[in-house]
Amino acid sequence: MYITTTIDGSRARISLDGEIDFHTLPLLRAVTVSLQACVAELLWDLEAATFMDIAGLHLLFDPTLPGSSPRRTTVTGLGPQPLLTLATDLNPNIDLMRLIPAPVTPSCAPPVHDPAR
């Protein structure tokens, strides 16, 4: 498994290439615990994740682990995951929408061209 962590202010992006299973889960959790306390948002980039079993659900839905700071967790690059469908069928209280990142608001909006001027 290859893991890349990118920090941008209070946001962290963890990209991984490989499988998310119970063999790799401890490593992935260690990466999240090692993030600085100022990281308030965590984005999992799963575009190159080749497989995810129930360990992936633990990674995405478990509450904050001991020794780590509370943070908003979202996902990008998530391919079809029958396991997520099954999990929501078995537990309708699972909120998949919380994993979708909020739109990024630019810090400075481009000038608006007003043809009436």
PDB file of N, CA and C in Angstrom:
ATOM      1  N   MET A   1       0.837  -1.168   0.000  1.00  0.00           N
ATOM      2  CA  MET A   1       0.000   0.000   0.000  1.00  0.00           C
ATOM      3  C   MET A   1       0.888   1.239   0.000  1.00  0.00           C
ATOM      4  N   TYR A   2       0.494   2.200  -0.812  1.00  0.00           N
ATOM      5  CA  TYR A   2       1.177   3.490  -0.860  1.00  0.00           C
ATOM      6  C   TYR A   2       0.219   4.535  -0.321  1.00  0.00           C
ATOM      7  N   ILE A   3       0.728   5.382   0.598  1.00  0.00           N
ATOM      8  CA  ILE A   3      -0.090   6.412   1.224  1.00  0.00           C
ATOM      9  C   ILE A   3       0.612   7.748   1.065  1.00  0.00           C
ATOM     10  N   THR A   4      -0.148   8.753   0.631  1.00  0.00           N
ATOM     11  CA  THR A   4       0.374  10.111   0.524  1.00  0.00           C
ATOM     12  C   THR A   4      -0.521  11.022   1.345  1.00  0.00           C
ATOM     13  N   THR A   5       0.085  11.807   2.207  1.00  0.00           N
ATOM     14  CA  THR A   5      -0.662  12.768   3.011  1.00  0.00           C
ATOM     15  C   THR A   5      -0.261  14.166   2.587  1.00  0.00           C
ATOM     16  N   THR A   6      -1.252  14.983   2.273  1.00  0.00           N
ATOM     17  CA  THR A   6      -1.029  16.375   1.886  1.00  0.00           C
ATOM     18  C   THR A   6      -1.769  17.258   2.877  1.00  0.00           C
ATOM     19  N   ILE A   7      -1.060  18.217   3.454  1.00  0.00           N
ATOM     20  CA  ILE A   7      -1.657  19.136   4.424  1.00  0.00           C
ATOM     21  C   ILE A   7      -1.746  20.515   3.778  1.00  0.00           C
ATOM     22  N   ASP A   8      -2.924  21.128   3.890  1.00  0.00           N
ATOM     23  CA  ASP A   8      -3.146  22.483   3.393  1.00  0.00           C
ATOM     24  C   ASP A   8      -3.903  23.237   4.476  1.00  0.00           C
ATOM     25  N   GLY A   9      -3.175  23.929   5.319  1.00  0.00           N
ATOM     26  CA  GLY A   9      -3.799  24.638   6.437  1.00  0.00           C
ATOM     27  C   GLY A   9      -4.429  23.663   7.410  1.00  0.00           C
ATOM     28  N   SER A  10      -5.745  23.767   7.571  1.00  0.00           N
ATOM     29  CA  SER A  10      -6.447  22.888   8.512  1.00  0.00           C
ATOM     30  C   SER A  10      -7.058  21.673   7.817  1.00  0.00           C
ATOM     31  N   ARG A  11      -6.665  21.455   6.545  1.00  0.00           N
ATOM     32  CA  ARG A  11      -7.189  20.316   5.776  1.00  0.00           C
ATOM     33  C   ARG A  11      -6.079  19.323   5.478  1.00  0.00           C
ATOM     34  N   ALA A  12      -6.428  18.049   5.565  1.00  0.00           N
ATOM     35  CA  ALA A  12      -5.497  16.982   5.185  1.00  0.00           C
ATOM     36  C   ALA A  12      -6.178  16.115   4.141  1.00  0.00           C
ATOM     37  N   ARG A  13      -5.384  15.694   3.169  1.00  0.00           N
ATOM     38  CA  ARG A  13      -5.865  14.770   2.131  1.00  0.00           C
ATOM     39  C   ARG A  13      -4.973  13.542   2.205  1.00  0.00           C
ATOM     40  N   ILE A  14      -5.597  12.392   2.440  1.00  0.00           N
ATOM     41  CA  ILE A  14      -4.847  11.140   2.476  1.00  0.00           C
ATOM     42  C   ILE A  14      -5.254  10.347   1.244  1.00  0.00           C
ATOM     43  N   SER A  15      -4.284  10.136   0.366  1.00  0.00           N
ATOM     44  CA  SER A  15      -4.502   9.354  -0.852  1.00  0.00           C
ATOM     45  C   SER A  15      -3.830   8.007  -0.654  1.00  0.00           C
ATOM     46  N   LEU A  16      -4.518   6.963  -1.077  1.00  0.00           N
ATOM     47  CA  LEU A  16      -3.902   5.651  -0.927  1.00  0.00           C
ATOM     48  C   LEU A  16      -4.078   4.824  -2.185  1.00  0.00           C
ATOM     49  N   ASP A  17      -3.121   3.962  -2.391  1.00  0.00           N
ATOM     50  CA  ASP A  17      -3.119   3.062  -3.533  1.00  0.00           C
ATOM     51  C   ASP A  17      -2.969   1.661  -2.962  1.00  0.00           C
ATOM     52  N   GLY A  18      -4.048   0.901  -2.984  1.00  0.00           N
ATOM     53  CA  GLY A  18      -4.010  -0.442  -2.425  1.00  0.00           C
ATOM     54  C   GLY A  18      -5.342  -0.811  -1.823  1.00  0.00           C
ATOM     55  N   GLU A  19      -5.320  -1.799  -0.959  1.00  0.00           N
ATOM     56  CA  GLU A  19      -6.531  -2.342  -0.357  1.00  0.00           C
ATOM     57  C   GLU A  19      -6.754  -1.787   1.045  1.00  0.00           C
ATOM     58  N   ILE A  20      -8.028  -1.596   1.380  1.00  0.00           N
ATOM     59  CA  ILE A  20      -8.404  -1.252   2.750  1.00  0.00           C
ATOM     60  C   ILE A  20      -9.030  -2.510   3.336  1.00  0.00           C
ATOM     61  N   ASP A  21      -8.293  -3.133   4.240  1.00  0.00           N
ATOM     62  CA  ASP A  21      -8.784  -4.332   4.903  1.00  0.00           C
ATOM     63  C   ASP A  21      -8.228  -4.340   6.323  1.00  0.00           C
ATOM     64  N   PHE A  22      -8.475  -5.412   7.054  1.00  0.00           N
ATOM     65  CA  PHE A  22      -8.038  -5.420   8.448  1.00  0.00           C
ATOM     66  C   PHE A  22      -6.517  -5.489   8.593  1.00  0.00           C
ATOM     67  N   HIS A  23      -5.800  -5.821   7.516  1.00  0.00           N
ATOM     68  CA  HIS A  23      -4.334  -5.808   7.575  1.00  0.00           C
ATOM     69  C   HIS A  23      -3.798  -4.396   7.415  1.00  0.00           C
ATOM     70  N   THR A  24      -4.475  -3.568   6.639  1.00  0.00           N
ATOM     71  CA  THR A  24      -3.998  -2.206   6.396  1.00  0.00           C
ATOM     72  C   THR A  24      -4.667  -1.177   7.307  1.00  0.00           C
ATOM     73  N   LEU A  25      -5.772  -1.538   7.952  1.00  0.00           N
ATOM     74  CA  LEU A  25      -6.493  -0.609   8.816  1.00  0.00           C
ATOM     75  C   LEU A  25      -5.619  -0.003   9.918  1.00  0.00           C
ATOM     76  N   PRO A  26      -4.794  -0.770  10.636  1.00  0.00           N
ATOM     77  CA  PRO A  26      -3.959  -0.156  11.677  1.00  0.00           C
ATOM     78  C   PRO A  26      -3.015   0.916  11.120  1.00  0.00           C
ATOM     79  N   LEU A  27      -2.453   0.689   9.951  1.00  0.00           N
ATOM     80  CA  LEU A  27      -1.571   1.684   9.335  1.00  0.00           C
ATOM     81  C   LEU A  27      -2.350   2.950   8.986  1.00  0.00           C
ATOM     82  N   LEU A  28      -3.534   2.795   8.405  1.00  0.00           N
ATOM     83  CA  LEU A  28      -4.341   3.948   8.035  1.00  0.00           C
ATOM     84  C   LEU A  28      -4.790   4.736   9.262  1.00  0.00           C
ATOM     85  N   ARG A  29      -5.142   4.034  10.315  1.00  0.00           N
ATOM     86  CA  ARG A  29      -5.517   4.726  11.552  1.00  0.00           C
ATOM     87  C   ARG A  29      -4.318   5.442  12.157  1.00  0.00           C
ATOM     88  N   ALA A  30      -3.146   4.826  12.079  1.00  0.00           N
ATOM     89  CA  ALA A  30      -1.944   5.476  12.602  1.00  0.00           C
ATOM     90  C   ALA A  30      -1.664   6.777  11.853  1.00  0.00           C
ATOM     91  N   VAL A  31      -1.914   6.783  10.553  1.00  0.00           N
ATOM     92  CA  VAL A  31      -1.722   7.996   9.765  1.00  0.00           C
ATOM     93  C   VAL A  31      -2.668   9.094  10.257  1.00  0.00           C
ATOM     94  N   THR A  32      -3.918   8.750  10.528  1.00  0.00           N
ATOM     95  CA  THR A  32      -4.870   9.770  10.989  1.00  0.00           C
ATOM     96  C   THR A  32      -4.522  10.265  12.391  1.00  0.00           C
ATOM     97  N   VAL A  33      -4.077   9.379  13.262  1.00  0.00           N
ATOM     98  CA  VAL A  33      -3.713   9.780  14.617  1.00  0.00           C
ATOM     99  C   VAL A  33      -2.494  10.697  14.592  1.00  0.00           C
ATOM    100  N   SER A  34      -1.608  10.512  13.616  1.00  0.00           N
ATOM    101  CA  SER A  34      -0.387  11.319  13.555  1.00  0.00           C
ATOM    102  C   SER A  34      -0.614  12.721  12.990  1.00  0.00           C
ATOM    103  N   LEU A  35      -1.812  12.996  12.482  1.00  0.00           N
ATOM    104  CA  LEU A  35      -2.087  14.336  11.968  1.00  0.00           C
ATOM    105  C   LEU A  35      -2.059  15.350  13.104  1.00  0.00           C
ATOM    106  N   GLN A  36      -1.615  16.546  12.794  1.00  0.00           N
ATOM    107  CA  GLN A  36      -1.566  17.604  13.796  1.00  0.00           C
ATOM    108  C   GLN A  36      -2.971  17.941  14.286  1.00  0.00           C
ATOM    109  N   ALA A  37      -3.056  18.419  15.514  1.00  0.00           N
ATOM    110  CA  ALA A  37      -4.351  18.757  16.108  1.00  0.00           C
ATOM    111  C   ALA A  37      -5.070  19.856  15.339  1.00  0.00           C
ATOM    112  N   CYS A  38      -4.330  20.694  14.614  1.00  0.00           N
ATOM    113  CA  CYS A  38      -4.961  21.798  13.879  1.00  0.00           C
ATOM    114  C   CYS A  38      -5.711  21.319  12.633  1.00  0.00           C
ATOM    115  N   VAL A  39      -5.536  20.055  12.249  1.00  0.00           N
ATOM    116  CA  VAL A  39      -6.246  19.514  11.085  1.00  0.00           C
ATOM    117  C   VAL A  39      -7.693  19.247  11.489  1.00  0.00           C
ATOM    118  N   ALA A  40      -8.608  20.046  10.928  1.00  0.00           N
ATOM    119  CA  ALA A  40     -10.027  19.940  11.273  1.00  0.00           C
ATOM    120  C   ALA A  40     -10.821  19.166  10.229  1.00  0.00           C
ATOM    121  N   GLU A  41     -10.262  19.046   9.019  1.00  0.00           N
ATOM    122  CA  GLU A  41     -10.952  18.354   7.934  1.00  0.00           C
ATOM    123  C   GLU A  41     -10.025  17.305   7.335  1.00  0.00           C
ATOM    124  N   LEU A  42     -10.557  16.106   7.165  1.00  0.00           N
ATOM    125  CA  LEU A  42      -9.792  15.000   6.590  1.00  0.00           C
ATOM    126  C   LEU A  42     -10.526  14.488   5.360  1.00  0.00           C
ATOM    127  N   LEU A  43      -9.840  14.497   4.233  1.00  0.00           N
ATOM    128  CA  LEU A  43     -10.399  13.985   2.982  1.00  0.00           C
ATOM    129  C   LEU A  43      -9.654  12.713   2.606  1.00  0.00           C
ATOM    130  N   TRP A  44     -10.390  11.605   2.517  1.00  0.00           N
ATOM    131  CA  TRP A  44      -9.822  10.346   2.037  1.00  0.00           C
ATOM    132  C   TRP A  44      -9.980  10.313   0.523  1.00  0.00           C
ATOM    133  N   ASP A  45      -8.874  10.222  -0.194  1.00  0.00           N
ATOM    134  CA  ASP A  45      -8.914  10.086  -1.652  1.00  0.00           C
ATOM    135  C   ASP A  45      -8.765   8.600  -1.961  1.00  0.00           C
ATOM    136  N   LEU A  46      -9.876   7.981  -2.359  1.00  0.00           N
ATOM    137  CA  LEU A  46      -9.902   6.533  -2.569  1.00  0.00           C
ATOM    138  C   LEU A  46      -9.918   6.156  -4.045  1.00  0.00           C
ATOM    139  N   GLU A  47      -9.531   7.086  -4.903  1.00  0.00           N
ATOM    140  CA  GLU A  47      -9.558   6.812  -6.345  1.00  0.00           C
ATOM    141  C   GLU A  47      -8.715   5.599  -6.719  1.00  0.00           C
ATOM    142  N   ALA A  48      -7.586   5.408  -6.048  1.00  0.00           N
ATOM    143  CA  ALA A  48      -6.700   4.292  -6.380  1.00  0.00           C
ATOM    144  C   ALA A  48      -6.841   3.119  -5.400  1.00  0.00           C
ATOM    145  N   ALA A  49      -7.868   3.184  -4.547  1.00  0.00           N
ATOM    146  CA  ALA A  49      -8.117   2.050  -3.647  1.00  0.00           C
ATOM    147  C   ALA A  49      -8.675   0.898  -4.477  1.00  0.00           C
ATOM    148  N   THR A  50      -8.016  -0.225  -4.423  1.00  0.00           N
ATOM    149  CA  THR A  50      -8.401  -1.353  -5.273  1.00  0.00           C
ATOM    150  C   THR A  50      -9.457  -2.250  -4.642  1.00  0.00           C
ATOM    151  N   PHE A  51      -9.616  -2.151  -3.321  1.00  0.00           N
ATOM    152  CA  PHE A  51     -10.551  -3.028  -2.614  1.00  0.00           C
ATOM    153  C   PHE A  51     -10.833  -2.423  -1.253  1.00  0.00           C
ATOM    154  N   MET A  52     -12.067  -2.592  -0.782  1.00  0.00           N
ATOM    155  CA  MET A  52     -12.420  -2.145   0.560  1.00  0.00           C
ATOM    156  C   MET A  52     -13.381  -3.151   1.166  1.00  0.00           C
ATOM    157  N   ASP A  53     -13.008  -3.712   2.311  1.00  0.00           N
ATOM    158  CA  ASP A  53     -13.934  -4.596   3.003  1.00  0.00           C
ATOM    159  C   ASP A  53     -14.517  -3.834   4.192  1.00  0.00           C
ATOM    160  N   ILE A  54     -15.035  -4.548   5.151  1.00  0.00           N
ATOM    161  CA  ILE A  54     -15.682  -3.891   6.287  1.00  0.00           C
ATOM    162  C   ILE A  54     -14.725  -2.986   7.063  1.00  0.00           C
ATOM    163  N   ALA A  55     -13.441  -3.225   6.950  1.00  0.00           N
ATOM    164  CA  ALA A  55     -12.458  -2.349   7.594  1.00  0.00           C
ATOM    165  C   ALA A  55     -12.589  -0.924   7.062  1.00  0.00           C
ATOM    166  N   GLY A  56     -12.933  -0.789   5.794  1.00  0.00           N
ATOM    167  CA  GLY A  56     -13.151   0.536   5.223  1.00  0.00           C
ATOM    168  C   GLY A  56     -14.310   1.252   5.885  1.00  0.00           C
ATOM    169  N   LEU A  57     -15.354   0.499   6.219  1.00  0.00           N
ATOM    170  CA  LEU A  57     -16.477   1.113   6.933  1.00  0.00           C
ATOM    171  C   LEU A  57     -16.033   1.593   8.310  1.00  0.00           C
ATOM    172  N   HIS A  58     -15.217   0.792   8.976  1.00  0.00           N
ATOM    173  CA  HIS A  58     -14.694   1.214  10.279  1.00  0.00           C
ATOM    174  C   HIS A  58     -13.865   2.489  10.131  1.00  0.00           C
ATOM    175  N   LEU A  59     -13.070   2.548   9.107  1.00  0.00           N
ATOM    176  CA  LEU A  59     -12.220   3.709   8.883  1.00  0.00           C
ATOM    177  C   LEU A  59     -13.050   4.967   8.660  1.00  0.00           C
ATOM    178  N   LEU A  60     -14.130   4.852   7.888  1.00  0.00           N
ATOM    179  CA  LEU A  60     -14.921   6.018   7.524  1.00  0.00           C
ATOM    180  C   LEU A  60     -15.972   6.401   8.562  1.00  0.00           C
ATOM    181  N   PHE A  61     -16.475   5.428   9.313  1.00  0.00           N
ATOM    182  CA  PHE A  61     -17.608   5.710  10.190  1.00  0.00           C
ATOM    183  C   PHE A  61     -17.322   5.622  11.680  1.00  0.00           C
ATOM    184  N   ASP A  62     -16.196   5.058  12.084  1.00  0.00           N
ATOM    185  CA  ASP A  62     -15.900   4.995  13.513  1.00  0.00           C
ATOM    186  C   ASP A  62     -15.694   6.406  14.043  1.00  0.00           C
ATOM    187  N   PRO A  63     -16.108   6.635  15.281  1.00  0.00           N
ATOM    188  CA  PRO A  63     -15.862   7.959  15.857  1.00  0.00           C
ATOM    189  C   PRO A  63     -14.364   8.193  16.014  1.00  0.00           C
ATOM    190  N   THR A  64     -14.036   9.398  16.366  1.00  0.00           N
ATOM    191  CA  THR A  64     -12.633   9.778  16.544  1.00  0.00           C
ATOM    192  C   THR A  64     -11.931   8.786  17.457  1.00  0.00           C
ATOM    193  N   LEU A  65     -10.755   8.394  17.040  1.00  0.00           N
ATOM    194  CA  LEU A  65      -9.979   7.426  17.812  1.00  0.00           C
ATOM    195  C   LEU A  65      -9.299   8.099  18.998  1.00  0.00           C
ATOM    196  N   PRO A  66      -9.046   7.351  20.066  1.00  0.00           N
ATOM    197  CA  PRO A  66      -8.309   7.921  21.192  1.00  0.00           C
ATOM    198  C   PRO A  66      -6.950   8.439  20.717  1.00  0.00           C
ATOM    199  N   GLY A  67      -6.583   9.597  21.185  1.00  0.00           N
ATOM    200  CA  GLY A  67      -5.298  10.170  20.807  1.00  0.00           C
ATOM    201  C   GLY A  67      -5.354  11.022  19.556  1.00  0.00           C
ATOM    202  N   SER A  68      -6.515  11.138  18.927  1.00  0.00           N
ATOM    203  CA  SER A  68      -6.621  11.985  17.740  1.00  0.00           C
ATOM    204  C   SER A  68      -7.647  13.077  17.985  1.00  0.00           C
ATOM    205  N   SER A  69      -7.550  14.127  17.207  1.00  0.00           N
ATOM    206  CA  SER A  69      -8.457  15.263  17.343  1.00  0.00           C
ATOM    207  C   SER A  69      -9.734  15.009  16.551  1.00  0.00           C
ATOM    208  N   PRO A  70     -10.867  15.536  17.031  1.00  0.00           N
ATOM    209  CA  PRO A  70     -12.094  15.398  16.249  1.00  0.00           C
ATOM    210  C   PRO A  70     -11.972  16.184  14.949  1.00  0.00           C
ATOM    211  N   ARG A  71     -12.451  15.611  13.850  1.00  0.00           N
ATOM    212  CA  ARG A  71     -12.369  16.303  12.556  1.00  0.00           C
ATOM    213  C   ARG A  71     -13.467  15.811  11.642  1.00  0.00           C
ATOM    214  N   ARG A  72     -13.837  16.658  10.694  1.00  0.00           N
ATOM    215  CA  ARG A  72     -14.825  16.288   9.683  1.00  0.00           C
ATOM    216  C   ARG A  72     -14.133  15.382   8.677  1.00  0.00           C
ATOM    217  N   THR A  73     -14.737  14.240   8.385  1.00  0.00           N
ATOM    218  CA  THR A  73     -14.164  13.274   7.461  1.00  0.00           C
ATOM    219  C   THR A  73     -15.043  13.164   6.227  1.00  0.00           C
ATOM    220  N   THR A  74     -14.413  13.310   5.042  1.00  0.00           N
ATOM    221  CA  THR A  74     -15.115  13.164   3.771  1.00  0.00           C
ATOM    222  C   THR A  74     -14.306  12.253   2.858  1.00  0.00           C
ATOM    223  N   VAL A  75     -14.936  11.876   1.725  1.00  0.00           N
ATOM    224  CA  VAL A  75     -14.318  10.922   0.803  1.00  0.00           C
ATOM    225  C   VAL A  75     -14.451  11.445  -0.618  1.00  0.00           C
ATOM    226  N   THR A  76     -13.435  11.208  -1.425  1.00  0.00           N
ATOM    227  CA  THR A  76     -13.500  11.470  -2.854  1.00  0.00           C
ATOM    228  C   THR A  76     -12.948  10.251  -3.588  1.00  0.00           C
ATOM    229  N   GLY A  77     -13.353  10.097  -4.830  1.00  0.00           N
ATOM    230  CA  GLY A  77     -12.841   9.000  -5.646  1.00  0.00           C
ATOM    231  C   GLY A  77     -13.394   7.648  -5.276  1.00  0.00           C
ATOM    232  N   LEU A  78     -14.497   7.615  -4.569  1.00  0.00           N
ATOM    233  CA  LEU A  78     -15.076   6.348  -4.143  1.00  0.00           C
ATOM    234  C   LEU A  78     -15.808   5.702  -5.309  1.00  0.00           C
ATOM    235  N   GLY A  79     -15.340   4.545  -5.724  1.00  0.00           N
ATOM    236  CA  GLY A  79     -15.986   3.803  -6.799  1.00  0.00           C
ATOM    237  C   GLY A  79     -17.183   3.046  -6.263  1.00  0.00           C
ATOM    238  N   PRO A  80     -17.815   2.250  -7.099  1.00  0.00           N
ATOM    239  CA  PRO A  80     -18.958   1.454  -6.638  1.00  0.00           C
ATOM    240  C   PRO A  80     -18.547   0.550  -5.476  1.00  0.00           C
ATOM    241  N   GLN A  81     -19.280   0.643  -4.409  1.00  0.00           N
ATOM    242  CA  GLN A  81     -18.974  -0.138  -3.213  1.00  0.00           C
ATOM    243  C   GLN A  81     -20.225  -0.860  -2.740  1.00  0.00           C
ATOM    244  N   PRO A  82     -20.423  -2.108  -3.175  1.00  0.00           N
ATOM    245  CA  PRO A  82     -21.601  -2.859  -2.736  1.00  0.00           C
ATOM    246  C   PRO A  82     -21.701  -2.956  -1.220  1.00  0.00           C
ATOM    247  N   LEU A  83     -20.573  -2.923  -0.548  1.00  0.00           N
ATOM    248  CA  LEU A  83     -20.576  -3.022   0.910  1.00  0.00           C
ATOM    249  C   LEU A  83     -21.281  -1.824   1.537  1.00  0.00           C
ATOM    250  N   LEU A  84     -21.085  -0.627   0.968  1.00  0.00           N
ATOM    251  CA  LEU A  84     -21.777   0.556   1.487  1.00  0.00           C
ATOM    252  C   LEU A  84     -23.283   0.425   1.290  1.00  0.00           C
ATOM    253  N   THR A  85     -23.680  -0.090   0.144  1.00  0.00           N
ATOM    254  CA  THR A  85     -25.106  -0.303  -0.118  1.00  0.00           C
ATOM    255  C   THR A  85     -25.680  -1.282   0.887  1.00  0.00           C
ATOM    256  N   LEU A  86     -24.980  -2.375   1.119  1.00  0.00           N
ATOM    257  CA  LEU A  86     -25.427  -3.369   2.086  1.00  0.00           C
ATOM    258  C   LEU A  86     -25.501  -2.762   3.488  1.00  0.00           C
ATOM    259  N   ALA A  87     -24.488  -1.977   3.851  1.00  0.00           N
ATOM    260  CA  ALA A  87     -24.468  -1.372   5.186  1.00  0.00           C
ATOM    261  C   ALA A  87     -25.659  -0.443   5.389  1.00  0.00           C
ATOM    262  N   THR A  88     -26.008   0.340   4.369  1.00  0.00           N
ATOM    263  CA  THR A  88     -27.155   1.238   4.507  1.00  0.00           C
ATOM    264  C   THR A  88     -28.470   0.465   4.489  1.00  0.00           C
ATOM    265  N   ASP A  89     -28.509  -0.665   3.793  1.00  0.00           N
ATOM    266  CA  ASP A  89     -29.710  -1.499   3.830  1.00  0.00           C
ATOM    267  C   ASP A  89     -29.914  -2.083   5.236  1.00  0.00           C
ATOM    268  N   LEU A  90     -28.822  -2.491   5.861  1.00  0.00           N
ATOM    269  CA  LEU A  90     -28.908  -3.094   7.188  1.00  0.00           C
ATOM    270  C   LEU A  90     -29.098  -2.054   8.292  1.00  0.00           C
ATOM    271  N   ASN A  91     -28.551  -0.857   8.063  1.00  0.00           N
ATOM    272  CA  ASN A  91     -28.665   0.211   9.066  1.00  0.00           C
ATOM    273  C   ASN A  91     -29.006   1.516   8.354  1.00  0.00           C
ATOM    274  N   PRO A  92     -30.293   1.816   8.201  1.00  0.00           N
ATOM    275  CA  PRO A  92     -30.704   3.032   7.488  1.00  0.00           C
ATOM    276  C   PRO A  92     -30.246   4.320   8.169  1.00  0.00           C
ATOM    277  N   ASN A  93     -29.749   4.239   9.411  1.00  0.00           N
ATOM    278  CA  ASN A  93     -29.279   5.439  10.108  1.00  0.00           C
ATOM    279  C   ASN A  93     -27.886   5.877   9.660  1.00  0.00           C
ATOM    280  N   ILE A  94     -27.220   5.061   8.846  1.00  0.00           N
ATOM    281  CA  ILE A  94     -25.900   5.454   8.345  1.00  0.00           C
ATOM    282  C   ILE A  94     -26.078   6.643   7.414  1.00  0.00           C
ATOM    283  N   ASP A  95     -25.344   7.698   7.682  1.00  0.00           N
ATOM    284  CA  ASP A  95     -25.451   8.932   6.907  1.00  0.00           C
ATOM    285  C   ASP A  95     -24.312   9.009   5.897  1.00  0.00           C
ATOM    286  N   LEU A  96     -24.545   8.485   4.692  1.00  0.00           N
ATOM    287  CA  LEU A  96     -23.517   8.534   3.644  1.00  0.00           C
ATOM    288  C   LEU A  96     -23.268   9.961   3.166  1.00  0.00           C
ATOM    289  N   MET A  97     -24.266  10.816   3.271  1.00  0.00           N
ATOM    290  CA  MET A  97     -24.115  12.192   2.784  1.00  0.00           C
ATOM    291  C   MET A  97     -23.033  12.961   3.541  1.00  0.00           C
ATOM    292  N   ARG A  98     -22.765  12.557   4.770  1.00  0.00           N
ATOM    293  CA  ARG A  98     -21.731  13.281   5.516  1.00  0.00           C
ATOM    294  C   ARG A  98     -20.331  13.031   4.957  1.00  0.00           C
ATOM    295  N   LEU A  99     -20.202  12.001   4.114  1.00  0.00           N
ATOM    296  CA  LEU A  99     -18.901  11.699   3.525  1.00  0.00           C
ATOM    297  C   LEU A  99     -18.616  12.508   2.265  1.00  0.00           C
ATOM    298  N   ILE A 100     -19.622  13.223   1.761  1.00  0.00           N
ATOM    299  CA  ILE A 100     -19.442  14.002   0.540  1.00  0.00           C
ATOM    300  C   ILE A 100     -18.872  15.367   0.911  1.00  0.00           C
ATOM    301  N   PRO A 101     -17.743  15.744   0.306  1.00  0.00           N
ATOM    302  CA  PRO A 101     -17.137  17.032   0.658  1.00  0.00           C
ATOM    303  C   PRO A 101     -18.043  18.203   0.282  1.00  0.00           C
ATOM    304  N   ALA A 102     -17.982  19.249   1.092  1.00  0.00           N
ATOM    305  CA  ALA A 102     -18.702  20.485   0.777  1.00  0.00           C
ATOM    306  C   ALA A 102     -17.985  21.183  -0.365  1.00  0.00           C
ATOM    307  N   PRO A 103     -18.711  21.939  -1.189  1.00  0.00           N
ATOM    308  CA  PRO A 103     -18.051  22.676  -2.270  1.00  0.00           C
ATOM    309  C   PRO A 103     -17.032  23.657  -1.698  1.00  0.00           C
ATOM    310  N   VAL A 104     -15.921  23.790  -2.386  1.00  0.00           N
ATOM    311  CA  VAL A 104     -14.883  24.718  -1.949  1.00  0.00           C
ATOM    312  C   VAL A 104     -15.280  26.116  -2.383  1.00  0.00           C
ATOM    313  N   THR A 105     -15.297  27.033  -1.429  1.00  0.00           N
ATOM    314  CA  THR A 105     -15.610  28.422  -1.732  1.00  0.00           C
ATOM    315  C   THR A 105     -14.307  29.157  -1.956  1.00  0.00           C
ATOM    316  N   PRO A 106     -14.149  29.800  -3.120  1.00  0.00           N
ATOM    317  CA  PRO A 106     -12.912  30.528  -3.354  1.00  0.00           C
ATOM    318  C   PRO A 106     -12.761  31.665  -2.353  1.00  0.00           C
ATOM    319  N   SER A 107     -11.534  31.940  -1.962  1.00  0.00           N
ATOM    320  CA  SER A 107     -11.297  32.994  -0.986  1.00  0.00           C
ATOM    321  C   SER A 107     -11.500  34.374  -1.606  1.00  0.00           C
ATOM    322  N   CYS A 108     -11.404  34.443  -2.906  1.00  0.00           N
ATOM    323  CA  CYS A 108     -11.580  35.725  -3.587  1.00  0.00           C
ATOM    324  C   CYS A 108     -12.360  35.462  -4.864  1.00  0.00           C
ATOM    325  N   ALA A 109     -13.544  36.001  -4.948  1.00  0.00           N
ATOM    326  CA  ALA A 109     -14.382  35.775  -6.129  1.00  0.00           C
ATOM    327  C   ALA A 109     -13.844  36.582  -7.303  1.00  0.00           C
ATOM    328  N   PRO A 110     -13.918  36.025  -8.521  1.00  0.00           N
ATOM    329  CA  PRO A 110     -13.457  36.772  -9.688  1.00  0.00           C
ATOM    330  C   PRO A 110     -14.359  37.974  -9.928  1.00  0.00           C
ATOM    331  N   PRO A 111     -13.829  39.008 -10.557  1.00  0.00           N
ATOM    332  CA  PRO A 111     -14.654  40.187 -10.818  1.00  0.00           C
ATOM    333  C   PRO A 111     -15.814  39.830 -11.743  1.00  0.00           C
ATOM    334  N   VAL A 112     -16.934  40.452 -11.499  1.00  0.00           N
ATOM    335  CA  VAL A 112     -18.124  40.226 -12.310  1.00  0.00           C
ATOM    336  C   VAL A 112     -18.157  41.271 -13.424  1.00  0.00           C
ATOM    337  N   HIS A 113     -18.290  40.805 -14.640  1.00  0.00           N
ATOM    338  CA  HIS A 113     -18.358  41.728 -15.774  1.00  0.00           C
ATOM    339  C   HIS A 113     -19.793  42.173 -15.944  1.00  0.00           C
ATOM    340  N   ASP A 114     -20.008  43.455 -15.863  1.00  0.00           N
ATOM    341  CA  ASP A 114     -21.358  44.015 -16.008  1.00  0.00           C
ATOM    342  C   ASP A 114     -21.411  44.766 -17.338  1.00  0.00           C
ATOM    343  N   PRO A 115     -22.081  44.194 -18.366  1.00  0.00           N
ATOM    344  CA  PRO A 115     -22.112  44.841 -19.687  1.00  0.00           C
ATOM    345  C   PRO A 115     -22.851  46.183 -19.667  1.00  0.00           C
ATOM    346  N   ALA A 116     -23.618  46.472 -18.619  1.00  0.00           N
ATOM    347  CA  ALA A 116     -24.341  47.728 -18.568  1.00  0.00           C
ATOM    348  C   ALA A 116     -23.421  48.895 -18.220  1.00  0.00           C
ATOM    349  N   ARG A 117     -22.245  48.612 -17.783  1.00  0.00           N
ATOM    350  CA  ARG A 117     -21.311  49.699 -17.407  1.00  0.00           C
ATOM    351  C   ARG A 117     -20.500  50.152 -18.568  1.00  0.00           C
TER     352      ARG A 117
END
